[in-house]
């Protein structure tokens, strides 16, 4: 499958719609997400190739969505216990 800049832009927009700030930084790391001072942040190594950036953002996107589903299920379970 051929990777395109448009795919990267779509992933970037999706990350932002999930409430995360997206940053490209230099350093000796792959990428990840966290909360810094109450701000949700995704950081990706800016020296990665287009394919690498897409792979990292796709993985992070899946992780965030899975985490949100778990939180939603726990919240719904807590609401039914009342």
Foldseek 3Di string as FASTA:
>chain_A
DDDDVVLLVVLCVLCVVLQEDEEADADDDAWEWDADPNHTYTYGHNPDDSVSSSVVSVVRSVVVVVVVVVVVVVVVVVVVVD
